Amino acid sequence: MKKKVYVLLALILVLAIVSGACSKPAEPSAPAAESTPESQEEPTTSEEPVSLTVQAETAWVPHYVKAIDRVLSVYPNADITIIETGAFDHLNVIDATDATNVDVADVFALPADRIYGLSNSEVLAGIDSPALAADLGGFADFDAGLGGNFKIDGEYLAFPYNIETLISFVNVANAEAEGIDHTAPFELNDVTKPEPVLLPAFDAWFGVALTNSAEIELLGKDESGALFSDMTKEWAELEPEKQAAIESLYNYWKVQYDNNTPLFDPEAGWGFIDDTFATGGSGVIRIDGPWGTAGISEQAGNGADLEIYPLSQITVAGKPLTHWKGGWGLGINSRIEEDAPKMEVAHALIKEIVNPEYAVDLFKATGKILENVTAEAYAESDLSDVDKKVIASVIASYEEAPARPLFTEWGSVWDTWKNSILSWNAQTPESPEEAYKEIKASFDAMMSNF
């Protein structure tokens, strides 16, 4: 957003020089009063009138109201209004219009994978994230975590809201009935029956947990910024651990195919997972995000039969599944970037929304887990045992996960991976190498489009 301002200022300066050269010299004016360093560094006073809007989902409102009250205690002349709407609904409004739309809030939540698109649309103002992080505390390495994901061309465009990654859910009643020790990791290569391990690997959101375990780069950038994919290599060129991961995936698909289950069906597969995992079925372990806890708990005897583990409870060729360091941020609308009083209050509001002192209240209202609060701190709270296990598993899985690729080209991977894996149902490859040919063909086509 600043680029347009700089261009406008440059044009004004040129016009001023031209007009000055053509006019008579101005009368000398009285010297301006000198400003002291102290006056330059003073923050905006609480007497400055400020009107601000913030987006919040319905369940978030109580937490936001309390955060706003804390901000108003410092800025009593501020007027902060909540725009009650879903985060994705709000982003849809931005996509359909622009940052100047009155229905677009001054402060709003955004998923990390939208940061580049919103940056390109010049929707986001720069944020003084290092100062906020220092005030809030608890960040071991801010740029190495979620904070670094929001840094583009040296500027922070959002502040970390919450961390997300996949975790493992186990139905202990089904495990006992199947004679399975759920406390030990589940190795995908050991799967001989279709039901116990329920892994929708055809969907890249879950499939990357398998590819990440073998450090397979579905789409990356080299040091020069050029795009590349490991999945365009010939089978013989793949490193042994990457071949092993593809072989494990193929064998897992083969078990499902030979037993005629709908797991590798993009429509029926999800219902199969739910039904099989429910108490009384043969499903023992599945993976999902913390947002799936309520529904999964209901399937597992309303929580009585549920145990929760980090994602590493499933291994592939001996290597634990690892997802991504995912999450959400809080951004500031670029339309207020040049309004210092509003920017100051917006920073104060973000600080109170994610104030670690109220981390438990935030989780109760939103289900969001703060990156700068430890699992031990959550464990000492009055949260339920299930919530504490979810939080501990998310934090443990997040710490082991690689950073999520956020560049826009990665969006092509979703369908490329999905279509290549689902093609096995029609092509029925007879070996992992034959199955890989379908993956390679899809990724070759994807790369040619770049």
Protein backbone atom coordinates (compact mmCIF):
# COMPACT_ATOMS: atom_id res chain seq x y z
CA MET A 1 0.00 0.00 0.00
CA LYS A 2 2.89 2.33 0.74
CA LYS A 3 4.10 2.12 -2.88
CA LYS A 4 1.14 4.18 -4.11
CA VAL A 5 1.73 6.77 -1.41
CA TYR A 6 5.40 7.09 -2.33
CA VAL A 7 4.56 7.59 -6.01
CA LEU A 8 1.99 10.27 -5.14
CA LEU A 9 4.45 12.10 -2.89
CA ALA A 10 7.07 12.02 -5.62
CA LEU A 11 4.66 13.59 -8.12
CA ILE A 12 3.71 16.29 -5.62
CA LEU A 13 7.38 17.07 -5.04
CA VAL A 14 8.05 17.42 -8.77
CA LEU A 15 5.08 19.78 -9.19
CA ALA A 16 6.26 21.82 -6.23
CA ILE A 17 9.75 22.21 -7.72
CA VAL A 18 8.37 23.23 -11.12
CA SER A 19 5.91 25.76 -9.69
CA GLY A 20 8.61 27.15 -7.40
CA ALA A 21 10.96 27.73 -10.31
CA CYS A 22 8.29 29.73 -12.16
CA SER A 23 7.14 31.97 -9.30
CA LYS A 24 8.70 34.85 -7.41
CA PRO A 25 10.65 34.10 -4.24
CA ALA A 26 8.45 33.73 -1.19
CA GLU A 27 8.61 36.23 1.65
CA PRO A 28 10.80 34.95 4.48
CA SER A 29 8.74 33.33 7.20
CA ALA A 30 9.32 33.11 10.91
CA PRO A 31 11.51 30.16 11.91
CA ALA A 32 9.59 27.04 12.98
CA ALA A 33 9.69 26.06 16.62
CA GLU A 34 12.21 23.32 17.24
CA SER A 35 10.80 19.93 18.20
CA THR A 36 12.51 18.04 20.96
CA PRO A 37 13.38 14.35 20.72
CA GLU A 38 10.97 13.77 23.60
CA SER A 39 8.04 15.26 21.68
CA GLN A 40 8.89 13.17 18.61
CA GLU A 41 8.91 9.92 20.57
CA GLU A 42 5.75 10.45 22.59
CA PRO A 43 2.95 7.97 21.75
CA THR A 44 -0.49 9.10 20.78
CA THR A 45 -2.39 10.25 23.85
CA SER A 46 -5.54 8.55 25.04
CA GLU A 47 -7.40 11.80 24.31
CA GLU A 48 -7.09 11.25 20.57
CA PRO A 49 -10.55 10.20 19.22
CA VAL A 50 -10.29 6.94 17.29
CA SER A 51 -12.97 4.81 15.63
CA LEU A 52 -11.97 1.23 14.87
CA THR A 53 -13.70 -1.95 13.70
CA VAL A 54 -12.67 -5.54 14.37
CA GLN A 55 -13.93 -8.78 12.81
CA ALA A 56 -14.99 -11.59 15.16
CA GLU A 57 -16.94 -14.80 14.77
CA THR A 58 -19.99 -15.16 17.00
CA ALA A 59 -18.28 -17.47 19.50
CA TRP A 60 -15.33 -15.09 19.75
CA VAL A 61 -17.36 -12.03 20.73
CA PRO A 62 -17.26 -12.44 24.55
CA HIS A 63 -13.45 -12.66 24.52
CA TYR A 64 -13.20 -9.70 22.15
CA VAL A 65 -15.52 -7.59 24.31
CA LYS A 66 -13.23 -8.11 27.30
CA ALA A 67 -10.15 -7.35 25.18
CA ILE A 68 -11.78 -4.15 23.94
CA ASP A 69 -12.60 -3.12 27.52
CA ARG A 70 -8.92 -3.47 28.42
CA VAL A 71 -7.94 -1.32 25.44
CA LEU A 72 -10.52 1.34 26.35
CA SER A 73 -9.06 1.59 29.83
CA VAL A 74 -5.96 3.04 28.16
CA TYR A 75 -7.69 4.77 25.25
CA PRO A 76 -11.02 5.96 26.74
CA ASN A 77 -11.85 8.10 23.71
CA ALA A 78 -11.54 5.17 21.32
CA ASP A 79 -14.67 3.65 19.79
CA ILE A 80 -14.14 -0.01 18.83
CA THR A 81 -16.99 -1.80 17.05
CA ILE A 82 -17.18 -5.55 16.44
CA ILE A 83 -18.18 -6.71 12.96
CA GLU A 84 -19.67 -10.10 13.81
CA THR A 85 -18.95 -12.39 10.86
CA GLY A 86 -17.08 -15.56 10.04
CA ALA A 87 -13.40 -15.24 9.21
CA PHE A 88 -13.79 -16.80 5.77
CA ASP A 89 -16.96 -14.81 5.06
CA HIS A 90 -14.98 -11.68 5.86
CA LEU A 91 -12.18 -12.73 3.53
CA ASN A 92 -14.75 -13.33 0.80
CA VAL A 93 -15.87 -9.71 1.16
CA ILE A 94 -12.26 -8.59 0.77
CA ASP A 95 -11.85 -10.76 -2.33
CA ALA A 96 -15.04 -9.39 -3.86
CA THR A 97 -14.28 -5.73 -3.09
CA ASP A 98 -11.18 -4.17 -1.54
CA ALA A 99 -9.73 -2.81 1.69
CA THR A 100 -11.77 0.40 1.55
CA ASN A 101 -15.13 -1.38 1.85
CA VAL A 102 -16.83 -0.37 5.12
CA ASP A 103 -17.78 -4.03 5.63
CA VAL A 104 -14.08 -4.88 5.83
CA ALA A 105 -12.83 -4.50 9.40
CA ASP A 106 -9.76 -2.53 10.45
CA VAL A 107 -8.48 -5.57 12.38
CA PHE A 108 -9.28 -9.12 11.24
CA ALA A 109 -8.17 -12.75 11.36
CA LEU A 110 -6.55 -14.47 8.40
CA PRO A 111 -5.05 -17.92 7.78
CA ALA A 112 -1.33 -18.02 7.06
CA ASP A 113 -1.86 -19.41 3.57
CA ARG A 114 -3.70 -16.23 2.54
CA ILE A 115 -0.87 -13.86 3.45
CA TYR A 116 0.70 -13.64 -0.02
CA GLY A 117 -2.60 -13.10 -1.80
CA LEU A 118 -3.65 -10.37 0.63
CA SER A 119 -0.20 -8.81 0.33
CA ASN A 120 -0.44 -8.74 -3.45
CA SER A 121 -3.86 -7.08 -3.12
CA GLU A 122 -2.34 -4.45 -0.81
CA VAL A 123 -4.93 -5.16 1.86
CA LEU A 124 -2.57 -5.36 4.83
CA ALA A 125 -0.71 -2.65 6.73
CA GLY A 126 2.72 -3.23 8.17
CA ILE A 127 2.75 -4.27 11.84
CA ASP A 128 5.44 -3.69 14.45
CA SER A 129 5.48 -7.38 15.32
CA PRO A 130 8.89 -7.40 17.06
CA ALA A 131 7.66 -4.78 19.53
CA LEU A 132 4.41 -6.66 20.16
CA ALA A 133 6.28 -9.95 20.59
CA ALA A 134 8.69 -8.35 23.06
CA ASP A 135 5.82 -6.90 25.09
CA LEU A 136 3.85 -10.16 25.16
CA GLY A 137 6.87 -12.42 25.74
CA GLY A 138 7.17 -16.19 25.42
CA PHE A 139 8.46 -16.40 21.83
CA ALA A 140 11.64 -18.50 21.73
CA ASP A 141 12.45 -17.52 18.13
CA PHE A 142 9.78 -15.28 16.64
CA ASP A 143 10.89 -15.45 13.00
CA ALA A 144 11.42 -19.23 13.12
CA GLY A 145 7.80 -19.71 14.15
CA LEU A 146 4.51 -18.43 12.84
CA GLY A 147 5.72 -14.84 12.99
CA GLY A 148 8.23 -15.43 10.22
CA ASN A 149 5.48 -16.73 7.94
CA PHE A 150 3.88 -13.30 8.01
CA LYS A 151 7.07 -11.47 7.02
CA ILE A 152 7.18 -10.49 3.36
CA ASP A 153 9.99 -8.42 1.85
CA GLY A 154 11.16 -7.46 5.31
CA GLU A 155 7.75 -6.29 6.53
CA TYR A 156 5.45 -8.06 9.00
CA LEU A 157 1.90 -8.05 7.62
CA ALA A 158 0.16 -9.96 10.42
CA PHE A 159 0.80 -10.95 14.02
CA PRO A 160 0.52 -14.60 15.17
CA TYR A 161 -2.97 -15.47 16.38
CA ASN A 162 -2.90 -19.22 16.88
CA ILE A 163 -0.96 -22.30 15.83
CA GLU A 164 -2.47 -25.26 14.00
CA THR A 165 -1.29 -28.67 12.86
CA LEU A 166 -2.64 -32.22 12.66
CA ILE A 167 -2.78 -34.61 15.62
CA SER A 168 -3.80 -38.25 16.21
CA PHE A 169 -7.09 -39.46 17.69
CA VAL A 170 -7.45 -43.02 19.03
CA ASN A 171 -10.61 -44.95 19.93
CA VAL A 172 -9.34 -46.99 22.87
CA ALA A 173 -12.43 -49.22 23.02
CA ASN A 174 -11.95 -50.26 19.40
CA ALA A 175 -8.22 -50.73 20.01
CA GLU A 176 -8.95 -53.12 22.88
CA ALA A 177 -11.48 -55.04 20.79
CA GLU A 178 -8.93 -55.36 17.97
CA GLY A 179 -6.15 -56.38 20.35
CA ILE A 180 -4.04 -53.34 19.42
CA ASP A 181 -1.69 -51.56 21.82
CA HIS A 182 -2.57 -47.94 21.07
CA THR A 183 0.26 -46.61 23.25
CA ALA A 184 2.82 -47.78 20.67
CA PRO A 185 3.19 -46.01 17.30
CA PHE A 186 1.15 -47.38 14.40
CA GLU A 187 3.44 -48.29 11.47
CA LEU A 188 1.75 -47.90 8.08
CA ASN A 189 3.82 -50.76 6.62
CA ASP A 190 2.27 -53.11 9.19
CA VAL A 191 -1.29 -52.46 8.03
CA THR A 192 -2.89 -55.67 6.77
CA LYS A 193 -6.52 -54.81 7.52
CA PRO A 194 -8.24 -51.76 6.05
CA GLU A 195 -9.97 -50.42 9.15
CA PRO A 196 -7.56 -49.81 12.07
CA VAL A 197 -5.55 -46.96 10.50
CA LEU A 198 -7.77 -44.39 8.77
CA LEU A 199 -5.58 -42.09 6.68
CA PRO A 200 -7.22 -40.09 3.83
CA ALA A 201 -3.89 -39.76 2.04
CA PHE A 202 -5.47 -38.83 -1.30
CA ASP A 203 -6.24 -35.40 0.15
CA ALA A 204 -3.01 -33.38 0.13
CA TRP A 205 -3.94 -31.69 3.42
CA PHE A 206 -3.44 -35.09 5.06
CA GLY A 207 -1.13 -36.57 2.43
CA VAL A 208 1.62 -34.05 3.15
CA ALA A 209 1.96 -35.60 6.60
CA LEU A 210 3.22 -38.70 4.82
CA THR A 211 5.42 -36.89 2.29
CA ASN A 212 6.87 -34.60 4.97
CA SER A 213 7.94 -37.66 6.95
CA ALA A 214 10.33 -38.51 4.10
CA GLU A 215 11.17 -34.86 3.31
CA ILE A 216 9.51 -35.13 -0.09
CA GLU A 217 9.20 -31.66 -1.60
CA LEU A 218 5.96 -31.63 -3.57
CA LEU A 219 6.73 -28.08 -4.69
CA GLY A 220 9.59 -25.97 -3.48
CA LYS A 221 11.91 -23.17 -4.46
CA ASP A 222 15.67 -23.53 -4.83
CA GLU A 223 18.21 -20.92 -3.77
CA SER A 224 17.66 -18.98 -7.00
CA GLY A 225 13.90 -18.92 -6.49
CA ALA A 226 13.19 -21.46 -9.24
CA LEU A 227 10.35 -23.91 -8.64
CA PHE A 228 11.06 -27.64 -8.42
CA SER A 229 9.32 -30.85 -7.35
CA ASP A 230 10.77 -34.13 -6.16
CA MET A 231 7.83 -35.82 -7.84
CA THR A 232 9.21 -35.10 -11.32
CA LYS A 233 12.28 -37.27 -10.70
CA GLU A 234 12.54 -40.72 -12.21
CA TRP A 235 11.82 -43.52 -9.74
CA ALA A 236 15.48 -44.59 -9.72
CA GLU A 237 16.53 -41.02 -8.89
CA LEU A 238 14.42 -40.82 -5.73
CA GLU A 239 16.29 -41.18 -2.46
CA PRO A 240 15.63 -44.51 -0.67
CA GLU A 241 13.56 -42.91 2.10
CA LYS A 242 11.34 -41.20 -0.49
CA GLN A 243 10.86 -44.45 -2.38
CA ALA A 244 9.99 -46.11 0.94
CA ALA A 245 7.29 -43.52 1.67
CA ILE A 246 5.70 -43.97 -1.77
CA GLU A 247 5.88 -47.74 -1.34
CA SER A 248 4.13 -47.50 2.05
CA LEU A 249 1.40 -45.33 0.55
CA TYR A 250 0.93 -47.73 -2.35
CA ASN A 251 0.70 -50.76 -0.04
CA TYR A 252 -1.82 -48.92 2.14
CA TRP A 253 -3.93 -48.07 -0.92
CA LYS A 254 -3.67 -51.70 -2.09
CA VAL A 255 -5.10 -52.97 1.21
CA GLN A 256 -8.06 -50.61 0.83
CA TYR A 257 -8.54 -51.46 -2.85
CA ASP A 258 -8.34 -55.23 -2.37
CA ASN A 259 -10.92 -55.03 0.44
CA ASN A 260 -13.21 -52.80 -1.62
CA THR A 261 -13.42 -50.00 0.97
CA PRO A 262 -14.38 -46.46 -0.09
CA LEU A 263 -11.49 -44.84 1.82
CA PHE A 264 -9.86 -43.63 -1.41
CA ASP A 265 -13.13 -42.15 -2.66
CA PRO A 266 -13.22 -38.33 -2.34
CA GLU A 267 -16.96 -38.40 -1.61
CA ALA A 268 -17.61 -41.58 0.37
CA GLY A 269 -14.23 -41.80 2.10
CA TRP A 270 -15.03 -39.29 4.83
CA GLY A 271 -18.21 -41.07 5.88
CA PHE A 272 -16.33 -44.37 5.92
CA ILE A 273 -13.76 -42.89 8.31
CA ASP A 274 -16.43 -41.52 10.65
CA ASP A 275 -18.46 -44.73 10.70
CA THR A 276 -15.46 -47.02 11.10
CA PHE A 277 -13.89 -44.94 13.88
CA ALA A 278 -17.09 -44.79 15.95
CA THR A 279 -17.12 -47.00 19.03
CA GLY A 280 -18.13 -50.52 18.00
CA GLY A 281 -16.33 -50.25 14.68
CA SER A 282 -12.87 -51.46 13.75
CA GLY A 283 -11.24 -48.06 13.31
CA VAL A 284 -8.55 -47.34 15.90
CA ILE A 285 -6.59 -44.26 14.83
CA ARG A 286 -7.30 -41.27 12.60
CA ILE A 287 -5.73 -37.85 12.12
CA ASP A 288 -7.34 -34.43 12.11
CA GLY A 289 -6.86 -30.92 13.40
CA PRO A 290 -7.89 -29.71 16.86
CA TRP A 291 -11.00 -28.23 15.25
CA GLY A 292 -12.28 -31.78 14.69
CA THR A 293 -12.18 -32.72 18.38
CA ALA A 294 -15.87 -32.19 19.17
CA GLY A 295 -17.16 -34.40 16.35
CA ILE A 296 -14.54 -37.08 16.86
CA SER A 297 -15.16 -37.12 20.61
CA GLU A 298 -18.85 -37.73 19.95
CA GLN A 299 -17.97 -40.74 17.77
CA ALA A 300 -15.76 -42.15 20.54
CA GLY A 301 -18.44 -42.64 23.19
CA ASN A 302 -18.81 -38.90 23.77
CA GLY A 303 -15.16 -38.78 24.79
CA ALA A 304 -15.19 -41.80 27.08
CA ASP A 305 -13.31 -43.91 24.52
CA LEU A 306 -11.05 -41.15 23.18
CA GLU A 307 -7.29 -40.80 23.57
CA ILE A 308 -5.25 -38.09 21.90
CA TYR A 309 -1.64 -38.24 20.74
CA PRO A 310 0.76 -36.14 18.68
CA LEU A 311 0.81 -36.83 14.95
CA SER A 312 3.96 -38.91 15.41
CA GLN A 313 1.77 -41.76 16.75
CA ILE A 314 1.67 -42.94 13.12
CA THR A 315 4.95 -43.78 11.37
CA VAL A 316 5.73 -44.43 7.72
CA ALA A 317 8.69 -46.69 7.02
CA GLY A 318 9.82 -45.94 10.55
CA LYS A 319 9.56 -42.15 10.24
CA PRO A 320 6.85 -40.23 12.15
CA LEU A 321 4.17 -38.31 10.31
CA THR A 322 4.77 -34.57 10.39
CA HIS A 323 2.39 -31.92 9.13
CA TRP A 324 3.08 -28.16 8.91
CA LYS A 325 3.56 -25.23 11.22
CA GLY A 326 0.18 -23.79 10.29
CA GLY A 327 -1.91 -21.14 11.91
CA TRP A 328 -3.70 -17.82 11.75
CA GLY A 329 -2.71 -14.22 12.16
CA LEU A 330 -4.32 -10.91 13.01
CA GLY A 331 -3.93 -8.27 10.33
CA ILE A 332 -4.54 -4.53 10.12
CA ASN A 333 -6.39 -2.99 7.18
CA SER A 334 -4.06 -0.97 4.94
CA ARG A 335 -6.57 1.87 4.72
CA ILE A 336 -5.56 3.03 8.22
CA GLU A 337 -1.81 2.63 7.72
CA GLU A 338 -1.19 6.38 7.50
CA ASP A 339 -3.47 7.13 10.48
CA ALA A 340 -1.06 6.92 13.42
CA PRO A 341 -3.72 7.11 16.20
CA LYS A 342 -5.74 4.28 14.63
CA MET A 343 -2.62 2.19 14.07
CA GLU A 344 -1.67 2.61 17.72
CA VAL A 345 -5.08 1.48 18.96
CA ALA A 346 -5.11 -1.39 16.43
CA HIS A 347 -1.77 -2.62 17.80
CA ALA A 348 -3.12 -2.34 21.34
CA LEU A 349 -6.21 -4.35 20.38
CA ILE A 350 -4.16 -7.14 18.81
CA LYS A 351 -2.01 -7.22 21.92
CA GLU A 352 -5.05 -7.71 24.16
CA ILE A 353 -6.73 -10.31 21.94
CA VAL A 354 -3.64 -12.53 22.17
CA ASN A 355 -2.55 -11.49 25.65
CA PRO A 356 -1.08 -14.71 27.13
CA GLU A 357 -2.53 -13.79 30.51
CA TYR A 358 -5.93 -14.65 29.00
CA ALA A 359 -4.79 -17.63 26.90
CA VAL A 360 -7.25 -20.01 28.57
CA ASP A 361 -10.15 -17.62 28.02
CA LEU A 362 -9.13 -17.31 24.38
CA PHE A 363 -9.10 -21.09 23.98
CA LYS A 364 -12.50 -21.48 25.62
CA ALA A 365 -14.02 -18.89 23.28
CA THR A 366 -12.23 -19.71 20.04
CA GLY A 367 -10.36 -23.01 20.39
CA LYS A 368 -7.18 -21.13 19.49
CA ILE A 369 -3.80 -22.08 20.95
CA LEU A 370 -1.17 -19.39 21.43
CA GLU A 371 2.35 -20.09 20.21
CA ASN A 372 3.95 -18.27 23.14
CA VAL A 373 2.15 -20.20 25.90
CA THR A 374 3.49 -23.57 27.06
CA ALA A 375 1.56 -26.82 27.31
CA GLU A 376 2.37 -26.80 31.03
CA ALA A 377 0.63 -23.45 31.47
CA TYR A 378 -2.50 -24.78 29.79
CA ALA A 379 -2.26 -28.00 31.86
CA GLU A 380 -2.43 -26.00 35.09
CA SER A 381 -5.71 -24.37 34.04
CA ASP A 382 -9.33 -25.40 34.57
CA LEU A 383 -9.68 -26.72 31.01
CA SER A 384 -11.06 -30.24 30.54
CA ASP A 385 -8.68 -33.18 30.30
CA VAL A 386 -9.56 -33.60 26.62
CA ASP A 387 -8.76 -29.97 25.88
CA LYS A 388 -5.45 -30.25 27.73
CA LYS A 389 -4.49 -33.35 25.73
CA VAL A 390 -5.43 -31.65 22.46
CA ILE A 391 -3.33 -28.61 23.32
CA ALA A 392 -0.33 -30.69 24.42
CA SER A 393 -0.52 -32.81 21.25
CA VAL A 394 -0.84 -29.77 18.98
CA ILE A 395 2.15 -28.07 20.59
CA ALA A 396 4.27 -31.25 20.42
CA SER A 397 3.32 -31.86 16.76
CA TYR A 398 3.85 -28.20 15.86
CA GLU A 399 7.36 -28.20 17.30
CA GLU A 400 8.36 -31.11 15.04
CA ALA A 401 6.67 -29.78 11.90
CA PRO A 402 8.35 -27.92 9.02
CA ALA A 403 7.20 -24.47 7.95
CA ARG A 404 4.21 -24.43 5.65
CA PRO A 405 4.91 -23.34 2.05
CA LEU A 406 2.91 -20.16 1.51
CA PHE A 407 3.88 -19.04 -2.01
CA THR A 408 0.87 -18.86 -4.32
CA GLU A 409 2.08 -21.48 -6.82
CA TRP A 410 1.74 -24.16 -4.14
CA GLY A 411 -2.02 -23.96 -4.61
CA SER A 412 -1.63 -26.10 -7.75
CA VAL A 413 -0.41 -29.02 -5.64
CA TRP A 414 -3.78 -29.73 -4.04
CA ASP A 415 -5.52 -31.11 -7.14
CA THR A 416 -2.31 -32.45 -8.68
CA TRP A 417 -1.67 -34.74 -5.72
CA LYS A 418 -5.32 -35.69 -5.31
CA ASN A 419 -5.86 -36.58 -8.96
CA SER A 420 -2.65 -38.59 -9.17
CA ILE A 421 -3.45 -40.74 -6.12
CA LEU A 422 -7.10 -41.25 -7.08
CA SER A 423 -6.00 -42.35 -10.56
CA TRP A 424 -4.73 -45.55 -8.96
CA ASN A 425 -8.35 -46.68 -8.55
CA ALA A 426 -8.74 -46.74 -12.34
CA GLN A 427 -5.20 -47.63 -13.40
CA THR A 428 -4.69 -50.30 -10.69
CA PRO A 429 -0.88 -50.20 -10.73
CA GLU A 430 0.81 -53.50 -9.93
CA SER A 431 3.80 -52.06 -8.08
CA PRO A 432 4.94 -48.94 -6.22
CA GLU A 433 7.05 -47.96 -9.23
CA GLU A 434 4.04 -48.17 -11.54
CA ALA A 435 1.98 -46.19 -9.05
CA TYR A 436 4.68 -43.52 -8.91
CA LYS A 437 4.47 -43.10 -12.69
CA GLU A 438 0.95 -41.72 -12.21
CA ILE A 439 2.22 -39.26 -9.60
CA LYS A 440 5.13 -38.21 -11.82
CA ALA A 441 2.89 -37.67 -14.84
CA SER A 442 0.60 -35.37 -12.85
CA PHE A 443 3.48 -33.36 -11.40
CA ASP A 444 5.22 -33.12 -14.78
CA ALA A 445 2.03 -31.57 -16.14
CA MET A 446 1.80 -29.19 -13.20
CA MET A 447 5.39 -28.03 -13.58
CA SER A 448 4.93 -27.43 -17.30
CA ASN A 449 2.21 -24.91 -16.45
CA PHE A 450 4.74 -22.84 -14.49
